[in-house]
């Protein structure tokens, strides 16, 4: 999955970017308080993308 597509799905679910790190970005779901690190690669493997969406309750 492209990183931009993952970020679009996270934003639609109400998540927002908390901060940028050197190799990861931290996203937060304000409804649940869940925080998840998203790697800064242009392509993110499907199992990892599903895990991020599930952990942020965005799936």
PDB file of N, CA and C in Angstrom:
ATOM      1  N   UNK A   1       0.855  -1.166   0.000  1.00  0.00           N
ATOM      2  CA  UNK A   1       0.000   0.000   0.000  1.00  0.00           C
ATOM      3  C   UNK A   1       0.903   1.231   0.000  1.00  0.00           C
ATOM      4  N   UNK A   2       0.556   2.202  -0.775  1.00  0.00           N
ATOM      5  CA  UNK A   2       1.310   3.446  -0.793  1.00  0.00           C
ATOM      6  C   UNK A   2       1.097   4.188   0.531  1.00  0.00           C
ATOM      7  N   UNK A   3       2.126   4.837   1.006  1.00  0.00           N
ATOM      8  CA  UNK A   3       2.044   5.574   2.267  1.00  0.00           C
ATOM      9  C   UNK A   3       0.950   6.633   2.209  1.00  0.00           C
ATOM     10  N   UNK A   4       0.850   7.322   1.073  1.00  0.00           N
ATOM     11  CA  UNK A   4      -0.160   8.391   0.965  1.00  0.00           C
ATOM     12  C   UNK A   4      -1.571   7.821   1.065  1.00  0.00           C
ATOM     13  N   UNK A   5      -1.804   6.600   0.546  1.00  0.00           N
ATOM     14  CA  UNK A   5      -3.119   5.963   0.654  1.00  0.00           C
ATOM     15  C   UNK A   5      -3.426   5.588   2.106  1.00  0.00           C
ATOM     16  N   UNK A   6      -2.412   5.087   2.804  1.00  0.00           N
ATOM     17  CA  UNK A   6      -2.588   4.756   4.224  1.00  0.00           C
ATOM     18  C   UNK A   6      -2.909   6.009   5.026  1.00  0.00           C
ATOM     19  N   UNK A   7      -2.180   7.088   4.774  1.00  0.00           N
ATOM     20  CA  UNK A   7      -2.435   8.342   5.496  1.00  0.00           C
ATOM     21  C   UNK A   7      -3.835   8.878   5.200  1.00  0.00           C
ATOM     22  N   UNK A   8      -4.286   8.734   3.966  1.00  0.00           N
ATOM     23  CA  UNK A   8      -5.638   9.183   3.598  1.00  0.00           C
ATOM     24  C   UNK A   8      -6.689   8.406   4.387  1.00  0.00           C
ATOM     25  N   UNK A   9      -6.493   7.073   4.496  1.00  0.00           N
ATOM     26  CA  UNK A   9      -7.448   6.252   5.260  1.00  0.00           C
ATOM     27  C   UNK A   9      -7.426   6.608   6.738  1.00  0.00           C
ATOM     28  N   UNK A  10      -6.250   6.907   7.270  1.00  0.00           N
ATOM     29  CA  UNK A  10      -6.159   7.300   8.681  1.00  0.00           C
ATOM     30  C   UNK A  10      -6.882   8.621   8.923  1.00  0.00           C
ATOM     31  N   UNK A  11      -6.687   9.581   8.031  1.00  0.00           N
ATOM     32  CA  UNK A  11      -7.361  10.885   8.202  1.00  0.00           C
ATOM     33  C   UNK A  11      -8.875  10.747   8.119  1.00  0.00           C
ATOM     34  N   UNK A  12      -9.348   9.906   7.182  1.00  0.00           N
ATOM     35  CA  UNK A  12     -10.797   9.688   7.061  1.00  0.00           C
ATOM     36  C   UNK A  12     -11.384   9.089   8.338  1.00  0.00           C
ATOM     37  N   UNK A  13     -10.572   8.309   9.055  1.00  0.00           N
ATOM     38  CA  UNK A  13     -11.033   7.680  10.292  1.00  0.00           C
ATOM     39  C   UNK A  13     -10.917   8.618  11.492  1.00  0.00           C
ATOM     40  N   UNK A  14     -10.427   9.839  11.272  1.00  0.00           N
ATOM     41  CA  UNK A  14     -10.342  10.805  12.360  1.00  0.00           C
ATOM     42  C   UNK A  14      -8.987  10.862  13.038  1.00  0.00           C
ATOM     43  N   UNK A  15      -8.013  10.124  12.543  1.00  0.00           N
ATOM     44  CA  UNK A  15      -6.667  10.139  13.127  1.00  0.00           C
ATOM     45  C   UNK A  15      -5.903  11.347  12.601  1.00  0.00           C
ATOM     46  N   UNK A  16      -4.893  11.751  13.341  1.00  0.00           N
ATOM     47  CA  UNK A  16      -4.058  12.854  12.872  1.00  0.00           C
ATOM     48  C   UNK A  16      -2.599  12.592  13.216  1.00  0.00           C
ATOM     49  N   UNK A  17      -1.733  13.291  12.520  1.00  0.00           N
ATOM     50  CA  UNK A  17      -0.294  13.158  12.695  1.00  0.00           C
ATOM     51  C   UNK A  17       0.119  13.883  13.962  1.00  0.00           C
ATOM     52  N   UNK A  18       0.691  13.143  14.905  1.00  0.00           N
ATOM     53  CA  UNK A  18       1.129  13.751  16.160  1.00  0.00           C
ATOM     54  C   UNK A  18       2.502  14.393  16.002  1.00  0.00           C
ATOM     55  N   UNK A  19       3.463  13.618  15.431  1.00  0.00           N
ATOM     56  CA  UNK A  19       4.786  14.189  15.182  1.00  0.00           C
ATOM     57  C   UNK A  19       5.540  13.346  14.172  1.00  0.00           C
ATOM     58  N   UNK A  20       6.528  13.961  13.550  1.00  0.00           N
ATOM     59  CA  UNK A  20       7.405  13.279  12.607  1.00  0.00           C
ATOM     60  C   UNK A  20       8.684  12.898  13.333  1.00  0.00           C
ATOM     61  N   UNK A  21       9.136  11.681  13.131  1.00  0.00           N
ATOM     62  CA  UNK A  21      10.408  11.245  13.678  1.00  0.00           C
ATOM     63  C   UNK A  21      11.413  11.081  12.550  1.00  0.00           C
ATOM     64  N   UNK A  22      12.560  10.535  12.861  1.00  0.00           N
ATOM     65  CA  UNK A  22      13.590  10.349  11.846  1.00  0.00           C
ATOM     66  C   UNK A  22      13.186   9.271  10.847  1.00  0.00           C
ATOM     67  N   UNK A  23      12.649   8.162  11.336  1.00  0.00           N
ATOM     68  CA  UNK A  23      12.296   7.066  10.432  1.00  0.00           C
ATOM     69  C   UNK A  23      10.823   6.676  10.511  1.00  0.00           C
ATOM     70  N   UNK A  24      10.071   7.236  11.467  1.00  0.00           N
ATOM     71  CA  UNK A  24       8.656   6.924  11.623  1.00  0.00           C
ATOM     72  C   UNK A  24       7.870   8.201  11.902  1.00  0.00           C
ATOM     73  N   UNK A  25       6.586   8.159  11.619  1.00  0.00           N
ATOM     74  CA  UNK A  25       5.657   9.223  11.978  1.00  0.00           C
ATOM     75  C   UNK A  25       4.702   8.645  13.013  1.00  0.00           C
ATOM     76  N   UNK A  26       4.363   9.413  14.022  1.00  0.00           N
ATOM     77  CA  UNK A  26       3.422   8.941  15.037  1.00  0.00           C
ATOM     78  C   UNK A  26       2.040   9.494  14.733  1.00  0.00           C
ATOM     79  N   UNK A  27       1.093   8.584  14.611  1.00  0.00           N
ATOM     80  CA  UNK A  27      -0.300   8.945  14.364  1.00  0.00           C
ATOM     81  C   UNK A  27      -1.105   8.602  15.600  1.00  0.00           C
ATOM     82  N   UNK A  28      -2.129   9.407  15.869  1.00  0.00           N
ATOM     83  CA  UNK A  28      -2.962   9.199  17.050  1.00  0.00           C
ATOM     84  C   UNK A  28      -4.440   9.216  16.659  1.00  0.00           C
ATOM     85  N   UNK A  29      -5.203   8.371  17.334  1.00  0.00           N
ATOM     86  CA  UNK A  29      -6.656   8.386  17.203  1.00  0.00           C
ATOM     87  C   UNK A  29      -7.182   9.064  18.459  1.00  0.00           C
ATOM     88  N   UNK A  30      -7.704  10.285  18.360  1.00  0.00           N
ATOM     89  CA  UNK A  30      -8.128  11.018  19.562  1.00  0.00           C
ATOM     90  C   UNK A  30      -9.302  10.384  20.292  1.00  0.00           C
ATOM     91  N   UNK A  31     -10.123   9.593  19.591  1.00  0.00           N
ATOM     92  CA  UNK A  31     -11.270   8.956  20.253  1.00  0.00           C
ATOM     93  C   UNK A  31     -10.833   7.861  21.206  1.00  0.00           C
ATOM     94  N   UNK A  32      -9.783   7.122  20.833  1.00  0.00           N
ATOM     95  CA  UNK A  32      -9.333   6.009  21.657  1.00  0.00           C
ATOM     96  C   UNK A  32      -8.028   6.288  22.380  1.00  0.00           C
ATOM     97  N   UNK A  33      -7.287   7.287  21.925  1.00  0.00           N
ATOM     98  CA  UNK A  33      -5.989   7.584  22.516  1.00  0.00           C
ATOM     99  C   UNK A  33      -4.884   6.667  22.009  1.00  0.00           C
ATOM    100  N   UNK A  34      -5.194   5.828  21.029  1.00  0.00           N
ATOM    101  CA  UNK A  34      -4.196   4.898  20.486  1.00  0.00           C
ATOM    102  C   UNK A  34      -3.171   5.658  19.651  1.00  0.00           C
ATOM    103  N   UNK A  35      -1.912   5.283  19.817  1.00  0.00           N
ATOM    104  CA  UNK A  35      -0.815   5.883  19.057  1.00  0.00           C
ATOM    105  C   UNK A  35      -0.098   4.770  18.318  1.00  0.00           C
ATOM    106  N   UNK A  36       0.234   5.011  17.062  1.00  0.00           N
ATOM    107  CA  UNK A  36       0.899   4.000  16.244  1.00  0.00           C
ATOM    108  C   UNK A  36       1.980   4.660  15.395  1.00  0.00           C
ATOM    109  N   UNK A  37       3.117   3.972  15.272  1.00  0.00           N
ATOM    110  CA  UNK A  37       4.219   4.450  14.443  1.00  0.00           C
ATOM    111  C   UNK A  37       4.013   3.957  13.015  1.00  0.00           C
ATOM    112  N   UNK A  38       4.145   4.875  12.064  1.00  0.00           N
ATOM    113  CA  UNK A  38       4.016   4.544  10.643  1.00  0.00           C
ATOM    114  C   UNK A  38       5.371   4.798   9.998  1.00  0.00           C
ATOM    115  N   UNK A  39       5.965   3.773   9.373  1.00  0.00           N
ATOM    116  CA  UNK A  39       7.284   3.975   8.758  1.00  0.00           C
ATOM    117  C   UNK A  39       7.212   4.987   7.620  1.00  0.00           C
ATOM    118  N   UNK A  40       8.329   5.649   7.359  1.00  0.00           N
ATOM    119  CA  UNK A  40       8.354   6.695   6.345  1.00  0.00           C
ATOM    120  C   UNK A  40       8.813   6.169   4.994  1.00  0.00           C
ATOM    121  N   UNK A  41       8.436   4.947   4.658  1.00  0.00           N
ATOM    122  CA  UNK A  41       8.735   4.385   3.345  1.00  0.00           C
ATOM    123  C   UNK A  41       7.630   4.798   2.377  1.00  0.00           C
ATOM    124  N   UNK A  42       7.948   4.867   1.096  1.00  0.00           N
ATOM    125  CA  UNK A  42       6.907   5.209   0.120  1.00  0.00           C
ATOM    126  C   UNK A  42       5.928   4.061  -0.069  1.00  0.00           C
ATOM    127  N   UNK A  43       6.390   2.830   0.131  1.00  0.00           N
ATOM    128  CA  UNK A  43       5.537   1.643   0.006  1.00  0.00           C
ATOM    129  C   UNK A  43       5.556   0.894   1.337  1.00  0.00           C
ATOM    130  N   UNK A  44       4.373   0.607   1.880  1.00  0.00           N
ATOM    131  CA  UNK A  44       4.242  -0.108   3.152  1.00  0.00           C
ATOM    132  C   UNK A  44       3.571  -1.446   2.855  1.00  0.00           C
ATOM    133  N   UNK A  45       4.159  -2.526   3.337  1.00  0.00           N
ATOM    134  CA  UNK A  45       3.620  -3.858   3.065  1.00  0.00           C
ATOM    135  C   UNK A  45       2.213  -3.999   3.647  1.00  0.00           C
ATOM    136  N   UNK A  46       1.383  -4.758   2.937  1.00  0.00           N
ATOM    137  CA  UNK A  46      -0.032  -4.905   3.309  1.00  0.00           C
ATOM    138  C   UNK A  46      -0.253  -5.390   4.741  1.00  0.00           C
ATOM    139  N   UNK A  47       0.457  -6.426   5.227  1.00  0.00           N
ATOM    140  CA  UNK A  47       0.206  -6.867   6.606  1.00  0.00           C
ATOM    141  C   UNK A  47       0.482  -5.756   7.626  1.00  0.00           C
ATOM    142  N   UNK A  48       1.525  -4.973   7.399  1.00  0.00           N
ATOM    143  CA  UNK A  48       1.841  -3.879   8.312  1.00  0.00           C
ATOM    144  C   UNK A  48       0.782  -2.781   8.229  1.00  0.00           C
ATOM    145  N   UNK A  49       0.323  -2.459   7.027  1.00  0.00           N
ATOM    146  CA  UNK A  49      -0.724  -1.447   6.860  1.00  0.00           C
ATOM    147  C   UNK A  49      -2.006  -1.877   7.577  1.00  0.00           C
ATOM    148  N   UNK A  50      -2.381  -3.158   7.437  1.00  0.00           N
ATOM    149  CA  UNK A  50      -3.579  -3.663   8.139  1.00  0.00           C
ATOM    150  C   UNK A  50      -3.414  -3.569   9.644  1.00  0.00           C
ATOM    151  N   UNK A  51      -2.208  -3.888  10.163  1.00  0.00           N
ATOM    152  CA  UNK A  51      -1.944  -3.822  11.600  1.00  0.00           C
ATOM    153  C   UNK A  51      -2.082  -2.384  12.100  1.00  0.00           C
ATOM    154  N   UNK A  52      -1.542  -1.427  11.350  1.00  0.00           N
ATOM    155  CA  UNK A  52      -1.627  -0.021  11.744  1.00  0.00           C
ATOM    156  C   UNK A  52      -3.080   0.430  11.779  1.00  0.00           C
ATOM    157  N   UNK A  53      -3.835   0.100  10.726  1.00  0.00           N
ATOM    158  CA  UNK A  53      -5.249   0.489  10.674  1.00  0.00           C
ATOM    159  C   UNK A  53      -6.045  -0.154  11.798  1.00  0.00           C
ATOM    160  N   UNK A  54      -5.767  -1.427  12.080  1.00  0.00           N
ATOM    161  CA  UNK A  54      -6.487  -2.124  13.149  1.00  0.00           C
ATOM    162  C   UNK A  54      -6.157  -1.524  14.517  1.00  0.00           C
ATOM    163  N   UNK A  55      -4.882  -1.240  14.768  1.00  0.00           N
ATOM    164  CA  UNK A  55      -4.473  -0.705  16.070  1.00  0.00           C
ATOM    165  C   UNK A  55      -5.018   0.699  16.310  1.00  0.00           C
ATOM    166  N   UNK A  56      -5.235   1.457  15.241  1.00  0.00           N
ATOM    167  CA  UNK A  56      -5.797   2.800  15.382  1.00  0.00           C
ATOM    168  C   UNK A  56      -7.316   2.807  15.211  1.00  0.00           C
ATOM    169  N   UNK A  57      -7.918   1.642  15.151  1.00  0.00           N
ATOM    170  CA  UNK A  57      -9.369   1.499  14.955  1.00  0.00           C
ATOM    171  C   UNK A  57      -9.840   2.254  13.734  1.00  0.00           C
ATOM    172  N   UNK A  58      -9.055   2.168  12.658  1.00  0.00           N
ATOM    173  CA  UNK A  58      -9.388   2.864  11.426  1.00  0.00           C
ATOM    174  C   UNK A  58      -9.769   1.888  10.318  1.00  0.00           C
ATOM    175  N   UNK A  59      -9.781   0.600  10.615  1.00  0.00           N
ATOM    176  CA  UNK A  59     -10.081  -0.400   9.574  1.00  0.00           C
ATOM    177  C   UNK A  59     -11.567  -0.525   9.349  1.00  0.00           C
TER     178      UNK A  59
END
